Amino acid sequence: MRDVSLLVIVLATLVGCAEPPPAERAPGPPIDLVNYELVDLSHAYDSDTVYWPTSPSEFELSELAYGETEAGYFYAANAFSTPEHGGTHLDAPIHFAAERWTADEIPLDTLVGPAVVIDVSAQAAEDADYRLRREDVAAWETLLGEVPAGAIVLLRTGWAERWPDRAGYLGDDTPGDASNLHFPAYGEQAARHLVETRRVAVLGVDTASIDHGPSTDFIVHRIANEANVSGLENVANLDRLPATGAWVIALPMKIAGGSGGPVRIAALVPRPSASP
């Protein structure tokens, strides 16, 4: 209950202090957070965290202090370092588009919004390089309605179950070599529809990239980032979210000038007795 109360305060602050979002990204009516379950969509950072094979370094945690002080009280502190793009993280639009938002410039109203979960885990089980098709989005919309503007779209492929097995998760675990990766993600036409037509705020996925493993042109990144649409990668626990009805809060480290950074993602899922 304490976590819910804190979230109420956070969202109330956002609503009260932020400028009204653009019409195409209106988040809809307020929600009663007491009727929602909090679901953590982030993997923890540790020595097993998955990074792109060409990353020059990985997550490091160094102990600065741990134990009883001379004054008689306990004290702990650490130092950490990590590349921006690894683990559950956000890609800021500047990642693949010049003159677009850096991590600290992304408006908060684009990072809090209704979740749209598109499940292609069955297709991905048959094809590790599966890309979300425009037809998949059309089928989703036929059943559940038009993807709303300002939505945070989360593509569920089932790959989170493979974390942190790097070979299984990336398709290849050769250090320094990203030429033989295999995992599913978005396809170009589906990304164009979601970004340019539906005007979503974020594209997220439970794999290492919003572009599928064999990609060499990173067209989905380019489409999304050019439109100031951020990306969420290595998302966890999408199997706990409904196709619609949940809300997502995805707040990255506010790195000045950053091209991305670690993000803690919380989903608010309606309890069975609550109305969406």
Protein backbone atom coordinates (compact mmCIF):
# COMPACT_ATOMS: atom_id res chain seq x y z
CA MET A 1 0.00 0.00 0.00
CA ARG A 2 2.92 2.33 0.70
CA ASP A 3 4.20 1.86 -2.89
CA VAL A 4 0.76 2.66 -4.27
CA SER A 5 0.52 5.82 -2.16
CA LEU A 6 3.90 6.98 -3.40
CA LEU A 7 2.86 6.40 -6.98
CA VAL A 8 -0.28 8.43 -6.42
CA ILE A 9 1.89 11.32 -5.25
CA VAL A 10 4.27 10.92 -8.22
CA LEU A 11 1.50 10.90 -10.81
CA ALA A 12 -0.35 13.74 -9.10
CA THR A 13 2.83 15.79 -9.29
CA LEU A 14 3.24 15.03 -12.99
CA VAL A 15 -0.34 15.99 -13.74
CA GLY A 16 -0.16 19.16 -11.68
CA CYS A 17 3.19 20.45 -12.88
CA ALA A 18 3.61 19.33 -16.47
CA GLU A 19 2.26 21.23 -19.43
CA PRO A 20 -0.76 19.57 -21.04
CA PRO A 21 0.47 16.82 -23.40
CA PRO A 22 -0.13 17.23 -27.13
CA ALA A 23 -3.58 16.17 -28.27
CA GLU A 24 -2.20 13.15 -30.09
CA ARG A 25 -0.66 11.88 -26.86
CA ALA A 26 -3.50 12.53 -24.43
CA PRO A 27 -3.18 9.77 -21.79
CA GLY A 28 -6.90 9.45 -21.04
CA PRO A 29 -8.81 9.76 -17.76
CA PRO A 30 -7.14 9.45 -14.33
CA ILE A 31 -6.93 6.00 -12.76
CA ASP A 32 -7.38 4.81 -9.17
CA LEU A 33 -4.04 3.20 -8.33
CA VAL A 34 -5.47 1.40 -5.31
CA ASN A 35 -7.17 -0.99 -7.73
CA TYR A 36 -3.97 -1.85 -9.57
CA GLU A 37 -1.23 -4.42 -8.94
CA LEU A 38 2.35 -3.23 -9.40
CA VAL A 39 4.41 -5.44 -11.72
CA ASP A 40 8.16 -4.95 -12.11
CA LEU A 41 9.17 -5.09 -15.78
CA SER A 42 12.92 -4.72 -15.18
CA HIS A 43 15.76 -7.20 -14.87
CA ALA A 44 18.18 -6.49 -12.03
CA TYR A 45 21.68 -5.26 -12.85
CA ASP A 46 24.42 -7.67 -11.79
CA SER A 47 27.30 -9.71 -13.17
CA ASP A 48 24.89 -11.70 -15.38
CA THR A 49 23.32 -8.67 -17.09
CA VAL A 50 23.20 -9.08 -20.87
CA TYR A 51 24.95 -6.45 -23.01
CA TRP A 52 25.41 -6.14 -26.76
CA PRO A 53 28.35 -8.38 -27.74
CA THR A 54 30.45 -5.40 -28.86
CA SER A 55 30.00 -3.50 -25.60
CA PRO A 56 33.45 -2.53 -24.29
CA SER A 57 32.42 -3.09 -20.68
CA GLU A 58 29.58 -4.43 -18.55
CA PHE A 59 27.97 -3.69 -15.21
CA GLU A 60 30.39 -3.30 -12.32
CA LEU A 61 29.58 -2.77 -8.66
CA SER A 62 32.44 -1.84 -6.34
CA GLU A 63 32.09 -1.79 -2.59
CA LEU A 64 33.10 1.49 -0.98
CA ALA A 65 31.95 0.73 2.54
CA TYR A 66 30.08 -2.02 4.34
CA GLY A 67 29.83 -2.60 8.06
CA GLU A 68 29.91 -1.04 11.47
CA THR A 69 31.45 2.43 11.65
CA GLU A 70 33.65 3.76 14.42
CA ALA A 71 30.63 5.74 15.56
CA GLY A 72 28.70 2.54 16.17
CA TYR A 73 26.19 2.52 13.30
CA PHE A 74 25.99 0.44 10.14
CA TYR A 75 26.87 2.06 6.80
CA ALA A 76 26.99 0.73 3.21
CA ALA A 77 27.89 2.45 -0.06
CA ASN A 78 28.96 1.31 -3.52
CA ALA A 79 30.18 2.70 -6.82
CA PHE A 80 28.82 1.37 -10.09
CA SER A 81 29.51 1.74 -13.79
CA THR A 82 27.65 0.56 -16.87
CA PRO A 83 27.31 1.35 -20.57
CA GLU A 84 24.03 3.12 -21.32
CA HIS A 85 22.70 0.29 -23.48
CA GLY A 86 22.52 -2.97 -21.56
CA GLY A 87 20.11 -4.68 -19.20
CA THR A 88 16.62 -3.22 -19.02
CA HIS A 89 17.25 0.18 -20.52
CA LEU A 90 15.79 3.04 -22.52
CA ASP A 91 17.01 4.19 -25.92
CA ALA A 92 16.63 7.94 -26.14
CA PRO A 93 15.72 9.28 -29.60
CA ILE A 94 19.24 10.73 -30.02
CA HIS A 95 20.49 7.11 -30.14
CA PHE A 96 19.72 6.82 -33.86
CA ALA A 97 18.53 10.30 -34.89
CA ALA A 98 20.51 13.53 -34.85
CA GLU A 99 19.06 16.54 -33.04
CA ARG A 100 16.43 14.47 -31.27
CA TRP A 101 15.78 14.19 -27.52
CA THR A 102 18.59 13.10 -25.22
CA ALA A 103 17.76 11.08 -22.12
CA ASP A 104 17.29 14.15 -19.95
CA GLU A 105 15.11 15.91 -22.55
CA ILE A 106 12.43 13.23 -22.95
CA PRO A 107 9.11 14.67 -21.69
CA LEU A 108 7.73 12.77 -18.70
CA ASP A 109 4.29 12.48 -20.30
CA THR A 110 5.78 10.20 -22.98
CA LEU A 111 7.18 7.85 -20.32
CA VAL A 112 3.90 7.33 -18.45
CA GLY A 113 1.03 5.93 -20.45
CA PRO A 114 -1.37 3.13 -21.34
CA ALA A 115 0.27 -0.17 -22.21
CA VAL A 116 -0.44 -2.05 -25.43
CA VAL A 117 0.95 -5.59 -25.28
CA ILE A 118 1.24 -7.44 -28.58
CA ASP A 119 2.03 -11.13 -28.12
CA VAL A 120 3.98 -12.86 -30.88
CA SER A 121 5.52 -15.53 -28.66
CA ALA A 122 3.92 -18.34 -30.71
CA GLN A 123 5.38 -16.98 -33.95
CA ALA A 124 8.78 -16.37 -32.33
CA ALA A 125 8.87 -19.95 -31.03
CA GLU A 126 8.76 -21.07 -34.67
CA ASP A 127 11.10 -18.39 -36.03
CA ALA A 128 13.80 -16.86 -33.83
CA ASP A 129 14.18 -13.98 -36.30
CA TYR A 130 10.46 -13.18 -36.41
CA ARG A 131 9.54 -9.54 -37.00
CA LEU A 132 6.20 -8.05 -36.00
CA ARG A 133 4.17 -7.59 -39.17
CA ARG A 134 1.69 -4.89 -40.08
CA GLU A 135 -0.87 -7.73 -40.32
CA ASP A 136 -0.18 -8.69 -36.70
CA VAL A 137 -1.02 -5.17 -35.58
CA ALA A 138 -4.17 -5.22 -37.73
CA ALA A 139 -5.26 -8.49 -36.14
CA TRP A 140 -4.67 -7.04 -32.66
CA GLU A 141 -6.70 -3.96 -33.52
CA THR A 142 -9.55 -6.04 -34.94
CA LEU A 143 -9.92 -7.78 -31.58
CA LEU A 144 -9.09 -4.95 -29.19
CA GLY A 145 -9.53 -1.65 -30.97
CA GLU A 146 -7.18 0.92 -32.41
CA VAL A 147 -3.81 1.35 -30.71
CA PRO A 148 -4.22 4.68 -28.89
CA ALA A 149 -1.99 7.67 -29.52
CA GLY A 150 0.58 8.08 -26.77
CA ALA A 151 0.57 4.35 -25.97
CA ILE A 152 3.61 2.50 -24.70
CA VAL A 153 3.69 -0.54 -26.99
CA LEU A 154 5.34 -3.65 -25.55
CA LEU A 155 6.13 -6.56 -27.85
CA ARG A 156 6.06 -9.90 -26.07
CA THR A 157 8.18 -12.55 -27.79
CA GLY A 158 8.77 -14.87 -24.83
CA TRP A 159 12.50 -14.16 -24.92
CA ALA A 160 12.58 -12.89 -21.33
CA GLU A 161 12.34 -16.51 -20.21
CA ARG A 162 15.83 -17.03 -21.64
CA TRP A 163 17.43 -14.29 -19.51
CA PRO A 164 20.34 -14.28 -18.57
CA ASP A 165 21.52 -17.14 -20.85
CA ARG A 166 23.40 -15.05 -23.38
CA ALA A 167 23.66 -17.71 -26.07
CA GLY A 168 19.94 -18.48 -25.85
CA TYR A 169 18.91 -14.85 -25.48
CA LEU A 170 21.08 -13.33 -28.22
CA GLY A 171 21.36 -16.38 -30.46
CA ASP A 172 25.14 -16.21 -30.20
CA ASP A 173 27.50 -15.32 -27.36
CA THR A 174 30.75 -14.73 -29.21
CA PRO A 175 32.46 -11.78 -27.46
CA GLY A 176 32.96 -8.76 -29.70
CA ASP A 177 30.94 -10.22 -32.58
CA ALA A 178 27.37 -9.06 -33.30
CA SER A 179 27.17 -10.56 -36.80
CA ASN A 180 25.34 -13.76 -35.89
CA LEU A 181 22.58 -12.67 -33.52
CA HIS A 182 19.11 -14.20 -33.67
CA PHE A 183 16.10 -12.88 -31.76
CA PRO A 184 12.68 -11.44 -32.72
CA ALA A 185 11.53 -7.82 -32.66
CA TYR A 186 9.57 -5.28 -34.71
CA GLY A 187 9.37 -5.24 -38.49
CA GLU A 188 9.67 -2.07 -40.58
CA GLN A 189 6.05 -1.78 -41.74
CA ALA A 190 4.61 -2.50 -38.29
CA ALA A 191 6.95 0.10 -36.78
CA ARG A 192 5.96 2.70 -39.38
CA HIS A 193 2.28 2.09 -38.70
CA LEU A 194 2.66 2.36 -34.93
CA VAL A 195 4.95 5.40 -35.03
CA GLU A 196 3.68 7.40 -38.00
CA THR A 197 -0.01 6.48 -38.08
CA ARG A 198 -0.88 5.57 -34.51
CA ARG A 199 1.64 8.05 -33.04
CA VAL A 200 2.66 5.91 -30.09
CA ALA A 201 5.09 7.29 -27.50
CA VAL A 202 7.37 4.27 -26.93
CA LEU A 203 8.25 0.95 -28.57
CA GLY A 204 9.37 -1.72 -26.10
CA VAL A 205 10.36 -5.37 -26.39
CA ASP A 206 11.51 -8.28 -24.23
CA THR A 207 14.59 -8.88 -26.41
CA ALA A 208 17.91 -7.07 -26.74
CA SER A 209 16.73 -4.66 -29.43
CA ILE A 210 13.63 -3.23 -31.09
CA ASP A 211 15.33 -4.38 -34.33
CA HIS A 212 15.56 -8.16 -34.81
CA GLY A 213 18.88 -9.92 -34.28
CA PRO A 214 20.15 -10.13 -37.88
CA SER A 215 19.47 -6.44 -38.58
CA THR A 216 22.34 -4.43 -40.01
CA ASP A 217 20.44 -1.25 -40.92
CA PHE A 218 18.52 -0.82 -37.61
CA ILE A 219 15.57 0.57 -39.52
CA VAL A 220 13.14 0.31 -36.59
CA HIS A 221 15.44 2.36 -34.38
CA ARG A 222 15.73 4.95 -37.15
CA ILE A 223 11.98 5.16 -37.75
CA ALA A 224 11.18 5.46 -34.04
CA ASN A 225 13.99 7.79 -33.01
CA GLU A 226 13.47 10.16 -35.95
CA ALA A 227 9.91 10.68 -34.62
CA ASN A 228 11.21 11.25 -31.06
CA VAL A 229 9.82 7.86 -30.03
CA SER A 230 11.93 6.18 -27.36
CA GLY A 231 12.72 2.47 -27.09
CA LEU A 232 12.62 0.06 -24.17
CA GLU A 233 14.75 -3.06 -24.46
CA ASN A 234 15.25 -6.20 -22.36
CA VAL A 235 11.84 -5.73 -20.74
CA ALA A 236 10.82 -8.41 -18.20
CA ASN A 237 7.57 -10.05 -17.10
CA LEU A 238 5.38 -9.15 -20.06
CA ASP A 239 3.53 -12.43 -19.48
CA ARG A 240 2.00 -10.76 -16.42
CA LEU A 241 0.39 -7.95 -18.41
CA PRO A 242 -2.95 -8.02 -20.24
CA ALA A 243 -3.15 -6.94 -23.86
CA THR A 244 -4.81 -3.71 -22.75
CA GLY A 245 -5.80 -2.03 -19.50
CA ALA A 246 -2.39 -1.74 -17.81
CA TRP A 247 -0.44 1.48 -17.39
CA VAL A 248 3.33 1.79 -17.57
CA ILE A 249 5.76 4.11 -15.82
CA ALA A 250 9.22 3.89 -17.42
CA LEU A 251 11.66 6.34 -15.83
CA PRO A 252 15.31 6.11 -16.93
CA MET A 253 18.33 7.65 -15.27
CA LYS A 254 18.29 11.34 -16.17
CA ILE A 255 21.70 11.43 -17.85
CA ALA A 256 22.40 14.88 -19.30
CA GLY A 257 23.15 14.44 -22.98
CA GLY A 258 22.70 10.69 -22.69
CA SER A 259 21.67 8.42 -25.56
CA GLY A 260 19.84 6.17 -23.10
CA GLY A 261 20.32 4.53 -19.75
CA PRO A 262 19.11 2.00 -17.20
CA VAL A 263 15.38 2.17 -16.54
CA ARG A 264 13.08 0.83 -13.83
CA ILE A 265 9.76 0.03 -15.44
CA ALA A 266 6.62 -0.41 -13.36
CA ALA A 267 3.32 -1.64 -14.77
CA LEU A 268 0.01 -0.99 -13.05
CA VAL A 269 -2.24 -3.94 -13.83
CA PRO A 270 -5.96 -3.83 -12.96
CA ARG A 271 -6.90 -6.21 -10.19
CA PRO A 272 -9.67 -8.70 -11.10
CA SER A 273 -12.27 -6.72 -9.18
CA ALA A 274 -11.25 -3.39 -10.72
CA SER A 275 -12.49 -1.85 -13.92
CA PRO A 276 -9.83 -1.10 -16.58
